[in-house]
Amino acid sequence: MKNKYLVTILTFSTLFSCKKESQENFGKPKDKTTAKVSGQQLFEGAGNCIACHKPDQKIIGPSLEEIAKTYKTKKGSIIAFLQEQSDPIVDPSQYEVMKTNFAITKSMSDEELKALEDYIYSFSK
């Protein structure tokens, strides 16, 4: 009989002492600063920017050289644009095409957006 109680107590304590990670983080905002990644990796990978932008030539969107030059000259914010908080200043005619990618860029952390911006600015002459 004593063993039966001991087994029951151990079973309950084991069940209630283990939390799932989702329970521990329930109601807390997601930490967007998970892993450090380079701007180039974001540009060519998760951001899928490379599908429309090349370093030195216009494909669908303007080249990275043109973007960097225009944003530096006009003192614009690439990050604000990627978060859809400012109007396009490089090629407004392509804005509708770019809008489909805002879902991707809006989900990026501040750190990732800064890395992406730094990568684009690395093409300024």
PDB file of N, CA and C in Angstrom:
ATOM      1  N   MET A   1       0.816  -1.186   0.000  1.00  0.00           N
ATOM      2  CA  MET A   1       0.000   0.000   0.000  1.00  0.00           C
ATOM      3  C   MET A   1       0.866   1.259   0.000  1.00  0.00           C
ATOM      4  N   LYS A   2       1.925   1.204   0.803  1.00  0.00           N
ATOM      5  CA  LYS A   2       2.834   2.335   0.888  1.00  0.00           C
ATOM      6  C   LYS A   2       3.475   2.617  -0.477  1.00  0.00           C
ATOM      7  N   ASN A   3       3.831   1.556  -1.212  1.00  0.00           N
ATOM      8  CA  ASN A   3       4.434   1.698  -2.533  1.00  0.00           C
ATOM      9  C   ASN A   3       3.450   2.311  -3.529  1.00  0.00           C
ATOM     10  N   LYS A   4       2.176   2.008  -3.396  1.00  0.00           N
ATOM     11  CA  LYS A   4       1.152   2.536  -4.281  1.00  0.00           C
ATOM     12  C   LYS A   4       1.070   4.059  -4.141  1.00  0.00           C
ATOM     13  N   TYR A   5       1.102   4.547  -2.916  1.00  0.00           N
ATOM     14  CA  TYR A   5       1.073   5.990  -2.676  1.00  0.00           C
ATOM     15  C   TYR A   5       2.339   6.661  -3.207  1.00  0.00           C
ATOM     16  N   LEU A   6       3.470   6.012  -2.989  1.00  0.00           N
ATOM     17  CA  LEU A   6       4.736   6.549  -3.441  1.00  0.00           C
ATOM     18  C   LEU A   6       4.753   6.666  -4.970  1.00  0.00           C
ATOM     19  N   VAL A   7       4.284   5.642  -5.654  1.00  0.00           N
ATOM     20  CA  VAL A   7       4.227   5.647  -7.121  1.00  0.00           C
ATOM     21  C   VAL A   7       3.287   6.746  -7.605  1.00  0.00           C
ATOM     22  N   THR A   8       2.148   6.899  -6.957  1.00  0.00           N
ATOM     23  CA  THR A   8       1.179   7.933  -7.332  1.00  0.00           C
ATOM     24  C   THR A   8       1.779   9.325  -7.147  1.00  0.00           C
ATOM     25  N   ILE A   9       2.424   9.557  -6.037  1.00  0.00           N
ATOM     26  CA  ILE A   9       3.041  10.854  -5.764  1.00  0.00           C
ATOM     27  C   ILE A   9       4.149  11.147  -6.776  1.00  0.00           C
ATOM     28  N   LEU A  10       4.985  10.175  -7.048  1.00  0.00           N
ATOM     29  CA  LEU A  10       6.064  10.361  -8.023  1.00  0.00           C
ATOM     30  C   LEU A  10       5.506  10.620  -9.426  1.00  0.00           C
ATOM     31  N   THR A  11       4.452   9.925  -9.785  1.00  0.00           N
ATOM     32  CA  THR A  11       3.843  10.114 -11.101  1.00  0.00           C
ATOM     33  C   THR A  11       3.303  11.535 -11.252  1.00  0.00           C
ATOM     34  N   PHE A  12       2.553  11.988 -10.249  1.00  0.00           N
ATOM     35  CA  PHE A  12       1.999  13.341 -10.308  1.00  0.00           C
ATOM     36  C   PHE A  12       3.088  14.411 -10.288  1.00  0.00           C
ATOM     37  N   SER A  13       4.091  14.220  -9.471  1.00  0.00           N
ATOM     38  CA  SER A  13       5.150  15.233  -9.398  1.00  0.00           C
ATOM     39  C   SER A  13       5.923  15.302 -10.714  1.00  0.00           C
ATOM     40  N   THR A  14       6.111  14.166 -11.359  1.00  0.00           N
ATOM     41  CA  THR A  14       6.790  14.155 -12.657  1.00  0.00           C
ATOM     42  C   THR A  14       5.944  14.841 -13.718  1.00  0.00           C
ATOM     43  N   LEU A  15       4.669  14.543 -13.741  1.00  0.00           N
ATOM     44  CA  LEU A  15       3.780  15.138 -14.739  1.00  0.00           C
ATOM     45  C   LEU A  15       3.681  16.647 -14.597  1.00  0.00           C
ATOM     46  N   PHE A  16       3.574  17.134 -13.394  1.00  0.00           N
ATOM     47  CA  PHE A  16       3.363  18.561 -13.185  1.00  0.00           C
ATOM     48  C   PHE A  16       4.649  19.373 -13.110  1.00  0.00           C
ATOM     49  N   SER A  17       5.776  18.732 -12.987  1.00  0.00           N
ATOM     50  CA  SER A  17       7.027  19.481 -12.925  1.00  0.00           C
ATOM     51  C   SER A  17       7.599  19.744 -14.318  1.00  0.00           C
ATOM     52  N   CYS A  18       7.158  19.028 -15.317  1.00  0.00           N
ATOM     53  CA  CYS A  18       7.653  19.197 -16.680  1.00  0.00           C
ATOM     54  C   CYS A  18       6.765  20.173 -17.432  1.00  0.00           C
ATOM     55  N   LYS A  19       7.365  21.254 -17.889  1.00  0.00           N
ATOM     56  CA  LYS A  19       6.630  22.229 -18.689  1.00  0.00           C
ATOM     57  C   LYS A  19       7.118  22.139 -20.119  1.00  0.00           C
ATOM     58  N   LYS A  20       6.205  22.341 -21.010  1.00  0.00           N
ATOM     59  CA  LYS A  20       6.595  22.450 -22.407  1.00  0.00           C
ATOM     60  C   LYS A  20       7.111  23.865 -22.621  1.00  0.00           C
ATOM     61  N   GLU A  21       8.001  24.037 -23.608  1.00  0.00           N
ATOM     62  CA  GLU A  21       8.544  25.354 -23.900  1.00  0.00           C
ATOM     63  C   GLU A  21       7.430  26.325 -24.271  1.00  0.00           C
ATOM     64  N   SER A  22       6.429  25.855 -24.994  1.00  0.00           N
ATOM     65  CA  SER A  22       5.331  26.732 -25.403  1.00  0.00           C
ATOM     66  C   SER A  22       4.554  27.236 -24.193  1.00  0.00           C
ATOM     67  N   GLN A  23       4.490  26.433 -23.116  1.00  0.00           N
ATOM     68  CA  GLN A  23       3.813  26.881 -21.903  1.00  0.00           C
ATOM     69  C   GLN A  23       4.641  27.949 -21.196  1.00  0.00           C
ATOM     70  N   GLU A  24       5.947  27.795 -21.193  1.00  0.00           N
ATOM     71  CA  GLU A  24       6.815  28.737 -20.518  1.00  0.00           C
ATOM     72  C   GLU A  24       6.778  30.099 -21.193  1.00  0.00           C
ATOM     73  N   ASN A  25       6.630  30.126 -22.507  1.00  0.00           N
ATOM     74  CA  ASN A  25       6.649  31.374 -23.253  1.00  0.00           C
ATOM     75  C   ASN A  25       5.256  31.884 -23.585  1.00  0.00           C
ATOM     76  N   PHE A  26       4.242  31.248 -23.085  1.00  0.00           N
ATOM     77  CA  PHE A  26       2.878  31.651 -23.402  1.00  0.00           C
ATOM     78  C   PHE A  26       2.621  33.082 -22.934  1.00  0.00           C
ATOM     79  N   GLY A  27       2.102  33.897 -23.841  1.00  0.00           N
ATOM     80  CA  GLY A  27       1.772  35.276 -23.513  1.00  0.00           C
ATOM     81  C   GLY A  27       2.944  36.232 -23.570  1.00  0.00           C
ATOM     82  N   LYS A  28       4.143  35.727 -23.824  1.00  0.00           N
ATOM     83  CA  LYS A  28       5.315  36.589 -23.923  1.00  0.00           C
ATOM     84  C   LYS A  28       5.596  36.849 -25.397  1.00  0.00           C
ATOM     85  N   PRO A  29       6.049  38.040 -25.749  1.00  0.00           N
ATOM     86  CA  PRO A  29       6.376  38.305 -27.150  1.00  0.00           C
ATOM     87  C   PRO A  29       7.565  37.460 -27.582  1.00  0.00           C
ATOM     88  N   LYS A  30       7.569  37.089 -28.860  1.00  0.00           N
ATOM     89  CA  LYS A  30       8.683  36.306 -29.385  1.00  0.00           C
ATOM     90  C   LYS A  30       9.929  37.155 -29.419  1.00  0.00           C
ATOM     91  N   ASP A  31      11.036  36.541 -29.097  1.00  0.00           N
ATOM     92  CA  ASP A  31      12.311  37.226 -29.160  1.00  0.00           C
ATOM     93  C   ASP A  31      12.772  37.208 -30.600  1.00  0.00           C
ATOM     94  N   LYS A  32      12.847  38.374 -31.223  1.00  0.00           N
ATOM     95  CA  LYS A  32      13.215  38.461 -32.629  1.00  0.00           C
ATOM     96  C   LYS A  32      14.724  38.467 -32.838  1.00  0.00           C
ATOM     97  N   THR A  33      15.504  38.433 -31.789  1.00  0.00           N
ATOM     98  CA  THR A  33      16.950  38.469 -31.934  1.00  0.00           C
ATOM     99  C   THR A  33      17.530  37.084 -31.716  1.00  0.00           C
ATOM    100  N   THR A  34      17.033  36.118 -32.451  1.00  0.00           N
ATOM    101  CA  THR A  34      17.440  34.738 -32.247  1.00  0.00           C
ATOM    102  C   THR A  34      18.884  34.497 -32.688  1.00  0.00           C
ATOM    103  N   ALA A  35      19.151  34.469 -33.945  1.00  0.00           N
ATOM    104  CA  ALA A  35      20.494  34.158 -34.405  1.00  0.00           C
ATOM    105  C   ALA A  35      21.025  35.304 -35.258  1.00  0.00           C
ATOM    106  N   LYS A  36      22.308  35.552 -35.126  1.00  0.00           N
ATOM    107  CA  LYS A  36      22.909  36.598 -35.944  1.00  0.00           C
ATOM    108  C   LYS A  36      23.112  36.053 -37.344  1.00  0.00           C
ATOM    109  N   VAL A  37      22.709  36.858 -38.308  1.00  0.00           N
ATOM    110  CA  VAL A  37      22.853  36.467 -39.697  1.00  0.00           C
ATOM    111  C   VAL A  37      23.342  37.676 -40.473  1.00  0.00           C
ATOM    112  N   SER A  38      24.088  37.442 -41.509  1.00  0.00           N
ATOM    113  CA  SER A  38      24.623  38.561 -42.270  1.00  0.00           C
ATOM    114  C   SER A  38      23.560  39.116 -43.211  1.00  0.00           C
ATOM    115  N   GLY A  39      23.745  40.359 -43.567  1.00  0.00           N
ATOM    116  CA  GLY A  39      22.845  40.996 -44.518  1.00  0.00           C
ATOM    117  C   GLY A  39      22.836  40.277 -45.849  1.00  0.00           C
ATOM    118  N   GLN A  40      23.997  39.810 -46.263  1.00  0.00           N
ATOM    119  CA  GLN A  40      24.080  39.079 -47.531  1.00  0.00           C
ATOM    120  C   GLN A  40      23.279  37.784 -47.459  1.00  0.00           C
ATOM    121  N   GLN A  41      23.358  37.080 -46.335  1.00  0.00           N
ATOM    122  CA  GLN A  41      22.585  35.847 -46.185  1.00  0.00           C
ATOM    123  C   GLN A  41      21.087  36.143 -46.244  1.00  0.00           C
ATOM    124  N   LEU A  42      20.663  37.206 -45.602  1.00  0.00           N
ATOM    125  CA  LEU A  42      19.249  37.583 -45.645  1.00  0.00           C
ATOM    126  C   LEU A  42      18.838  37.971 -47.064  1.00  0.00           C
ATOM    127  N   PHE A  43      19.681  38.749 -47.713  1.00  0.00           N
ATOM    128  CA  PHE A  43      19.395  39.223 -49.065  1.00  0.00           C
ATOM    129  C   PHE A  43      19.242  38.058 -50.042  1.00  0.00           C
ATOM    130  N   GLU A  44      20.126  37.097 -49.934  1.00  0.00           N
ATOM    131  CA  GLU A  44      20.125  35.973 -50.867  1.00  0.00           C
ATOM    132  C   GLU A  44      19.242  34.819 -50.407  1.00  0.00           C
ATOM    133  N   GLY A  45      18.911  34.784 -49.129  1.00  0.00           N
ATOM    134  CA  GLY A  45      18.147  33.671 -48.588  1.00  0.00           C
ATOM    135  C   GLY A  45      16.737  34.045 -48.203  1.00  0.00           C
ATOM    136  N   ALA A  46      16.500  34.161 -46.909  1.00  0.00           N
ATOM    137  CA  ALA A  46      15.157  34.365 -46.367  1.00  0.00           C
ATOM    138  C   ALA A  46      14.437  35.574 -46.942  1.00  0.00           C
ATOM    139  N   GLY A  47      15.171  36.640 -47.219  1.00  0.00           N
ATOM    140  CA  GLY A  47      14.542  37.843 -47.761  1.00  0.00           C
ATOM    141  C   GLY A  47      14.138  37.708 -49.217  1.00  0.00           C
ATOM    142  N   ASN A  48      14.793  36.807 -49.920  1.00  0.00           N
ATOM    143  CA  ASN A  48      14.541  36.566 -51.339  1.00  0.00           C
ATOM    144  C   ASN A  48      14.683  37.837 -52.179  1.00  0.00           C
ATOM    145  N   CYS A  49      15.490  38.772 -51.723  1.00  0.00           N
ATOM    146  CA  CYS A  49      15.683  40.045 -52.427  1.00  0.00           C
ATOM    147  C   CYS A  49      16.406  39.846 -53.757  1.00  0.00           C
ATOM    148  N   ILE A  50      17.274  38.846 -53.783  1.00  0.00           N
ATOM    149  CA  ILE A  50      18.095  38.610 -54.964  1.00  0.00           C
ATOM    150  C   ILE A  50      17.261  38.246 -56.203  1.00  0.00           C
ATOM    151  N   ALA A  51      16.030  37.856 -55.985  1.00  0.00           N
ATOM    152  CA  ALA A  51      15.161  37.525 -57.116  1.00  0.00           C
ATOM    153  C   ALA A  51      14.881  38.746 -57.990  1.00  0.00           C
ATOM    154  N   CYS A  52      14.899  39.931 -57.392  1.00  0.00           N
ATOM    155  CA  CYS A  52      14.567  41.153 -58.142  1.00  0.00           C
ATOM    156  C   CYS A  52      15.696  42.182 -58.173  1.00  0.00           C
ATOM    157  N   HIS A  53      16.686  42.055 -57.298  1.00  0.00           N
ATOM    158  CA  HIS A  53      17.756  43.053 -57.200  1.00  0.00           C
ATOM    159  C   HIS A  53      19.116  42.400 -57.397  1.00  0.00           C
ATOM    160  N   LYS A  54      19.933  43.005 -58.229  1.00  0.00           N
ATOM    161  CA  LYS A  54      21.312  42.579 -58.451  1.00  0.00           C
ATOM    162  C   LYS A  54      22.236  43.725 -58.022  1.00  0.00           C
ATOM    163  N   PRO A  55      23.483  43.425 -57.722  1.00  0.00           N
ATOM    164  CA  PRO A  55      24.387  44.481 -57.245  1.00  0.00           C
ATOM    165  C   PRO A  55      24.543  45.669 -58.200  1.00  0.00           C
ATOM    166  N   ASP A  56      24.738  45.393 -59.486  1.00  0.00           N
ATOM    167  CA  ASP A  56      25.094  46.487 -60.378  1.00  0.00           C
ATOM    168  C   ASP A  56      24.206  46.626 -61.614  1.00  0.00           C
ATOM    169  N   GLN A  57      23.071  45.956 -61.624  1.00  0.00           N
ATOM    170  CA  GLN A  57      22.167  46.109 -62.769  1.00  0.00           C
ATOM    171  C   GLN A  57      20.713  45.986 -62.345  1.00  0.00           C
ATOM    172  N   LYS A  58      19.866  46.711 -63.060  1.00  0.00           N
ATOM    173  CA  LYS A  58      18.438  46.668 -62.790  1.00  0.00           C
ATOM    174  C   LYS A  58      17.879  45.394 -63.431  1.00  0.00           C
ATOM    175  N   ILE A  59      17.176  44.612 -62.667  1.00  0.00           N
ATOM    176  CA  ILE A  59      16.482  43.436 -63.188  1.00  0.00           C
ATOM    177  C   ILE A  59      14.998  43.785 -63.147  1.00  0.00           C
ATOM    178  N   ILE A  60      14.334  43.455 -62.072  1.00  0.00           N
ATOM    179  CA  ILE A  60      12.951  43.878 -61.848  1.00  0.00           C
ATOM    180  C   ILE A  60      12.979  45.156 -61.020  1.00  0.00           C
ATOM    181  N   GLY A  61      13.739  45.095 -59.934  1.00  0.00           N
ATOM    182  CA  GLY A  61      13.913  46.261 -59.077  1.00  0.00           C
ATOM    183  C   GLY A  61      15.246  46.921 -59.362  1.00  0.00           C
ATOM    184  N   PRO A  62      15.473  48.077 -58.778  1.00  0.00           N
ATOM    185  CA  PRO A  62      16.737  48.786 -58.995  1.00  0.00           C
ATOM    186  C   PRO A  62      17.925  48.012 -58.431  1.00  0.00           C
ATOM    187  N   SER A  63      19.107  48.330 -58.945  1.00  0.00           N
ATOM    188  CA  SER A  63      20.326  47.680 -58.466  1.00  0.00           C
ATOM    189  C   SER A  63      20.627  48.134 -57.039  1.00  0.00           C
ATOM    190  N   LEU A  64      21.442  47.354 -56.353  1.00  0.00           N
ATOM    191  CA  LEU A  64      21.854  47.715 -54.997  1.00  0.00           C
ATOM    192  C   LEU A  64      22.678  48.997 -55.010  1.00  0.00           C
ATOM    193  N   GLU A  65      23.471  49.190 -56.061  1.00  0.00           N
ATOM    194  CA  GLU A  65      24.244  50.422 -56.174  1.00  0.00           C
ATOM    195  C   GLU A  65      23.309  51.629 -56.248  1.00  0.00           C
ATOM    196  N   GLU A  66      22.253  51.521 -57.044  1.00  0.00           N
ATOM    197  CA  GLU A  66      21.301  52.627 -57.180  1.00  0.00           C
ATOM    198  C   GLU A  66      20.532  52.868 -55.882  1.00  0.00           C
ATOM    199  N   ILE A  67      20.127  51.788 -55.229  1.00  0.00           N
ATOM    200  CA  ILE A  67      19.402  51.924 -53.954  1.00  0.00           C
ATOM    201  C   ILE A  67      20.282  52.619 -52.925  1.00  0.00           C
ATOM    202  N   ALA A  68      21.517  52.148 -52.771  1.00  0.00           N
ATOM    203  CA  ALA A  68      22.439  52.721 -51.778  1.00  0.00           C
ATOM    204  C   ALA A  68      22.707  54.193 -52.078  1.00  0.00           C
ATOM    205  N   LYS A  69      22.983  54.504 -53.327  1.00  0.00           N
ATOM    206  CA  LYS A  69      23.275  55.884 -53.720  1.00  0.00           C
ATOM    207  C   LYS A  69      22.078  56.798 -53.442  1.00  0.00           C
ATOM    208  N   THR A  70      20.885  56.375 -53.839  1.00  0.00           N
ATOM    209  CA  THR A  70      19.687  57.194 -53.676  1.00  0.00           C
ATOM    210  C   THR A  70      19.359  57.418 -52.205  1.00  0.00           C
ATOM    211  N   TYR A  71      19.415  56.354 -51.401  1.00  0.00           N
ATOM    212  CA  TYR A  71      19.084  56.505 -49.984  1.00  0.00           C
ATOM    213  C   TYR A  71      20.108  57.364 -49.250  1.00  0.00           C
ATOM    214  N   LYS A  72      21.380  57.262 -49.639  1.00  0.00           N
ATOM    215  CA  LYS A  72      22.392  58.118 -49.005  1.00  0.00           C
ATOM    216  C   LYS A  72      22.199  59.571 -49.424  1.00  0.00           C
ATOM    217  N   THR A  73      21.982  59.799 -50.710  1.00  0.00           N
ATOM    218  CA  THR A  73      21.822  61.158 -51.221  1.00  0.00           C
ATOM    219  C   THR A  73      20.595  61.837 -50.635  1.00  0.00           C
ATOM    220  N   LYS A  74      19.489  61.111 -50.564  1.00  0.00           N
ATOM    221  CA  LYS A  74      18.229  61.696 -50.093  1.00  0.00           C
ATOM    222  C   LYS A  74      18.009  61.506 -48.593  1.00  0.00           C
ATOM    223  N   LYS A  75      18.998  60.909 -47.939  1.00  0.00           N
ATOM    224  CA  LYS A  75      18.938  60.663 -46.484  1.00  0.00           C
ATOM    225  C   LYS A  75      17.658  59.931 -46.075  1.00  0.00           C
ATOM    226  N   GLY A  76      17.328  58.929 -46.875  1.00  0.00           N
ATOM    227  CA  GLY A  76      16.155  58.105 -46.592  1.00  0.00           C
ATOM    228  C   GLY A  76      16.506  56.963 -45.661  1.00  0.00           C
ATOM    229  N   SER A  77      15.497  56.241 -45.248  1.00  0.00           N
ATOM    230  CA  SER A  77      15.693  55.093 -44.363  1.00  0.00           C
ATOM    231  C   SER A  77      15.257  53.819 -45.076  1.00  0.00           C
ATOM    232  N   ILE A  78      16.221  52.988 -45.381  1.00  0.00           N
ATOM    233  CA  ILE A  78      15.912  51.703 -46.017  1.00  0.00           C
ATOM    234  C   ILE A  78      15.061  50.864 -45.067  1.00  0.00           C
ATOM    235  N   ILE A  79      15.388  50.911 -43.801  1.00  0.00           N
ATOM    236  CA  ILE A  79      14.639  50.125 -42.812  1.00  0.00           C
ATOM    237  C   ILE A  79      13.182  50.570 -42.764  1.00  0.00           C
ATOM    238  N   ALA A  80      12.948  51.869 -42.727  1.00  0.00           N
ATOM    239  CA  ALA A  80      11.560  52.373 -42.700  1.00  0.00           C
ATOM    240  C   ALA A  80      10.809  51.917 -43.950  1.00  0.00           C
ATOM    241  N   PHE A  81      11.470  51.947 -45.091  1.00  0.00           N
ATOM    242  CA  PHE A  81      10.821  51.483 -46.319  1.00  0.00           C
ATOM    243  C   PHE A  81      10.484  49.999 -46.227  1.00  0.00           C
ATOM    244  N   LEU A  82      11.428  49.191 -45.739  1.00  0.00           N
ATOM    245  CA  LEU A  82      11.198  47.748 -45.642  1.00  0.00           C
ATOM    246  C   LEU A  82      10.115  47.395 -44.632  1.00  0.00           C
ATOM    247  N   GLN A  83       9.865  48.297 -43.700  1.00  0.00           N
ATOM    248  CA  GLN A  83       8.790  48.094 -42.737  1.00  0.00           C
ATOM    249  C   GLN A  83       7.487  48.744 -43.218  1.00  0.00           C
ATOM    250  N   GLU A  84       7.520  49.268 -44.425  1.00  0.00           N
ATOM    251  CA  GLU A  84       6.386  49.937 -45.067  1.00  0.00           C
ATOM    252  C   GLU A  84       5.933  51.160 -44.261  1.00  0.00           C
ATOM    253  N   GLN A  85       6.919  51.873 -43.738  1.00  0.00           N
ATOM    254  CA  GLN A  85       6.656  53.077 -42.956  1.00  0.00           C
ATOM    255  C   GLN A  85       7.063  54.346 -43.699  1.00  0.00           C
ATOM    256  N   SER A  86       7.612  54.188 -44.900  1.00  0.00           N
ATOM    257  CA  SER A  86       7.959  55.353 -45.711  1.00  0.00           C
ATOM    258  C   SER A  86       7.727  55.017 -47.180  1.00  0.00           C
ATOM    259  N   ASP A  87       7.583  56.049 -47.960  1.00  0.00           N
ATOM    260  CA  ASP A  87       7.327  55.887 -49.388  1.00  0.00           C
ATOM    261  C   ASP A  87       8.599  55.488 -50.127  1.00  0.00           C
ATOM    262  N   PRO A  88       8.445  54.830 -51.276  1.00  0.00           N
ATOM    263  CA  PRO A  88       9.627  54.480 -52.073  1.00  0.00           C
ATOM    264  C   PRO A  88      10.262  55.740 -52.649  1.00  0.00           C
ATOM    265  N   ILE A  89      11.578  55.775 -52.682  1.00  0.00           N
ATOM    266  CA  ILE A  89      12.257  56.936 -53.250  1.00  0.00           C
ATOM    267  C   ILE A  89      13.162  56.572 -54.424  1.00  0.00           C
ATOM    268  N   VAL A  90      13.387  55.293 -54.672  1.00  0.00           N
ATOM    269  CA  VAL A  90      14.286  54.901 -55.756  1.00  0.00           C
ATOM    270  C   VAL A  90      13.514  54.714 -57.052  1.00  0.00           C
ATOM    271  N   ASP A  91      12.545  53.831 -57.066  1.00  0.00           N
ATOM    272  CA  ASP A  91      11.770  53.543 -58.271  1.00  0.00           C
ATOM    273  C   ASP A  91      10.310  53.305 -57.882  1.00  0.00           C
ATOM    274  N   PRO A  92       9.562  54.369 -57.658  1.00  0.00           N
ATOM    275  CA  PRO A  92       8.175  54.233 -57.215  1.00  0.00           C
ATOM    276  C   PRO A  92       7.300  53.406 -58.161  1.00  0.00           C
ATOM    277  N   SER A  93       7.681  53.315 -59.428  1.00  0.00           N
ATOM    278  CA  SER A  93       6.877  52.536 -60.377  1.00  0.00           C
ATOM    279  C   SER A  93       6.881  51.044 -60.043  1.00  0.00           C
ATOM    280  N   GLN A  94       7.867  50.578 -59.299  1.00  0.00           N
ATOM    281  CA  GLN A  94       7.967  49.167 -58.932  1.00  0.00           C
ATOM    282  C   GLN A  94       7.420  48.867 -57.536  1.00  0.00           C
ATOM    283  N   TYR A  95       6.817  49.870 -56.920  1.00  0.00           N
ATOM    284  CA  TYR A  95       6.331  49.727 -55.543  1.00  0.00           C
ATOM    285  C   TYR A  95       5.323  48.597 -55.392  1.00  0.00           C
ATOM    286  N   GLU A  96       4.400  48.468 -56.319  1.00  0.00           N
ATOM    287  CA  GLU A  96       3.382  47.419 -56.221  1.00  0.00           C
ATOM    288  C   GLU A  96       4.010  46.027 -56.241  1.00  0.00           C
ATOM    289  N   VAL A  97       5.064  45.859 -57.018  1.00  0.00           N
ATOM    290  CA  VAL A  97       5.769  44.569 -57.062  1.00  0.00           C
ATOM    291  C   VAL A  97       6.445  44.307 -55.726  1.00  0.00           C
ATOM    292  N   MET A  98       7.038  45.336 -55.161  1.00  0.00           N
ATOM    293  CA  MET A  98       7.760  45.201 -53.895  1.00  0.00           C
ATOM    294  C   MET A  98       6.821  44.916 -52.726  1.00  0.00           C
ATOM    295  N   LYS A  99       5.596  45.385 -52.794  1.00  0.00           N
ATOM    296  CA  LYS A  99       4.661  45.232 -51.675  1.00  0.00           C
ATOM    297  C   LYS A  99       4.480  43.780 -51.251  1.00  0.00           C
ATOM    298  N   THR A 100       4.594  42.850 -52.177  1.00  0.00           N
ATOM    299  CA  THR A 100       4.417  41.439 -51.829  1.00  0.00           C
ATOM    300  C   THR A 100       5.505  40.950 -50.869  1.00  0.00           C
ATOM    301  N   ASN A 101       6.652  41.611 -50.868  1.00  0.00           N
ATOM    302  CA  ASN A 101       7.761  41.191 -50.001  1.00  0.00           C
ATOM    303  C   ASN A 101       7.737  41.823 -48.621  1.00  0.00           C
ATOM    304  N   PHE A 102       6.846  42.767 -48.393  1.00  0.00           N
ATOM    305  CA  PHE A 102       6.797  43.405 -47.079  1.00  0.00           C
ATOM    306  C   PHE A 102       6.416  42.410 -45.978  1.00  0.00           C
ATOM    307  N   ALA A 103       5.687  41.388 -46.308  1.00  0.00           N
ATOM    308  CA  ALA A 103       5.365  40.370 -45.295  1.00  0.00           C
ATOM    309  C   ALA A 103       6.646  39.742 -44.758  1.00  0.00           C
ATOM    310  N   ILE A 104       7.617  39.555 -45.627  1.00  0.00           N
ATOM    311  CA  ILE A 104       8.906  38.982 -45.221  1.00  0.00           C
ATOM    312  C   ILE A 104       9.695  39.994 -44.398  1.00  0.00           C
ATOM    313  N   THR A 105       9.839  41.206 -44.921  1.00  0.00           N
ATOM    314  CA  THR A 105      10.690  42.183 -44.237  1.00  0.00           C
ATOM    315  C   THR A 105      10.079  42.678 -42.927  1.00  0.00           C
ATOM    316  N   LYS A 106       8.763  42.720 -42.840  1.00  0.00           N
ATOM    317  CA  LYS A 106       8.132  43.148 -41.582  1.00  0.00           C
ATOM    318  C   LYS A 106       8.329  42.115 -40.472  1.00  0.00           C
ATOM    319  N   SER A 107       8.566  40.866 -40.844  1.00  0.00           N
ATOM    320  CA  SER A 107       8.773  39.836 -39.824  1.00  0.00           C
ATOM    321  C   SER A 107      10.225  39.764 -39.359  1.00  0.00           C
ATOM    322  N   MET A 108      11.102  40.531 -39.987  1.00  0.00           N
ATOM    323  CA  MET A 108      12.515  40.537 -39.596  1.00  0.00           C
ATOM    324  C   MET A 108      12.717  41.357 -38.334  1.00  0.00           C
ATOM    325  N   SER A 109      13.695  40.955 -37.560  1.00  0.00           N
ATOM    326  CA  SER A 109      14.044  41.700 -36.347  1.00  0.00           C
ATOM    327  C   SER A 109      14.757  42.991 -36.727  1.00  0.00           C
ATOM    328  N   ASP A 110      14.862  43.894 -35.772  1.00  0.00           N
ATOM    329  CA  ASP A 110      15.596  45.143 -35.993  1.00  0.00           C
ATOM    330  C   ASP A 110      17.043  44.849 -36.390  1.00  0.00           C
ATOM    331  N   GLU A 111      17.609  43.857 -35.743  1.00  0.00           N
ATOM    332  CA  GLU A 111      18.993  43.472 -36.031  1.00  0.00           C
ATOM    333  C   GLU A 111      19.133  42.957 -37.472  1.00  0.00           C
ATOM    334  N   GLU A 112      18.177  42.161 -37.918  1.00  0.00           N
ATOM    335  CA  GLU A 112      18.218  41.642 -39.284  1.00  0.00           C
ATOM    336  C   GLU A 112      18.024  42.763 -40.307  1.00  0.00           C
ATOM    337  N   LEU A 113      17.099  43.667 -40.031  1.00  0.00           N
ATOM    338  CA  LEU A 113      16.883  44.792 -40.940  1.00  0.00           C
ATOM    339  C   LEU A 113      18.119  45.675 -41.029  1.00  0.00           C
ATOM    340  N   LYS A 114      18.782  45.896 -39.905  1.00  0.00           N
ATOM    341  CA  LYS A 114      20.010  46.693 -39.899  1.00  0.00           C
ATOM    342  C   LYS A 114      21.104  45.985 -40.704  1.00  0.00           C
ATOM    343  N   ALA A 115      21.202  44.680 -40.564  1.00  0.00           N
ATOM    344  CA  ALA A 115      22.198  43.917 -41.325  1.00  0.00           C
ATOM    345  C   ALA A 115      21.913  44.003 -42.826  1.00  0.00           C
ATOM    346  N   LEU A 116      20.654  43.931 -43.181  1.00  0.00           N
ATOM    347  CA  LEU A 116      20.248  44.045 -44.588  1.00  0.00           C
ATOM    348  C   LEU A 116      20.561  45.443 -45.119  1.00  0.00           C
ATOM    349  N   GLU A 117      20.252  46.462 -44.332  1.00  0.00           N
ATOM    350  CA  GLU A 117      20.549  47.836 -44.724  1.00  0.00           C
ATOM    351  C   GLU A 117      22.057  48.029 -44.907  1.00  0.00           C
ATOM    352  N   ASP A 118      22.843  47.537 -43.965  1.00  0.00           N
ATOM    353  CA  ASP A 118      24.303  47.654 -44.055  1.00  0.00           C
ATOM    354  C   ASP A 118      24.832  46.960 -45.313  1.00  0.00           C
ATOM    355  N   TYR A 119      24.259  45.814 -45.631  1.00  0.00           N
ATOM    356  CA  TYR A 119      24.682  45.098 -46.837  1.00  0.00           C
ATOM    357  C   TYR A 119      24.387  45.936 -48.078  1.00  0.00           C
ATOM    358  N   ILE A 120      23.211  46.515 -48.150  1.00  0.00           N
ATOM    359  CA  ILE A 120      22.862  47.347 -49.305  1.00  0.00           C
ATOM    360  C   ILE A 120      23.789  48.552 -49.390  1.00  0.00           C
ATOM    361  N   TYR A 121      24.052  49.194 -48.261  1.00  0.00           N
ATOM    362  CA  TYR A 121      24.947  50.355 -48.260  1.00  0.00           C
ATOM    363  C   TYR A 121      26.387  49.986 -48.634  1.00  0.00           C
ATOM    364  N   SER A 122      26.745  48.742 -48.491  1.00  0.00           N
ATOM    365  CA  SER A 122      28.107  48.332 -48.874  1.00  0.00           C
ATOM    366  C   SER A 122      28.333  48.471 -50.387  1.00  0.00           C
ATOM    367  N   PHE A 123      27.266  48.670 -51.147  1.00  0.00           N
ATOM    368  CA  PHE A 123      27.382  48.841 -52.601  1.00  0.00           C
ATOM    369  C   PHE A 123      27.443  50.300 -53.022  1.00  0.00           C
ATOM    370  N   SER A 124      27.449  51.221 -52.078  1.00  0.00           N
ATOM    371  CA  SER A 124      27.550  52.629 -52.448  1.00  0.00           C
ATOM    372  C   SER A 124      28.982  52.944 -52.831  1.00  0.00           C
ATOM    373  N   LYS A 125      29.130  53.825 -53.787  1.00  0.00           N
ATOM    374  CA  LYS A 125      30.468  54.158 -54.265  1.00  0.00           C
ATOM    375  C   LYS A 125      30.902  55.502 -53.747  1.00  0.00           C
TER     376      LYS A 125
END
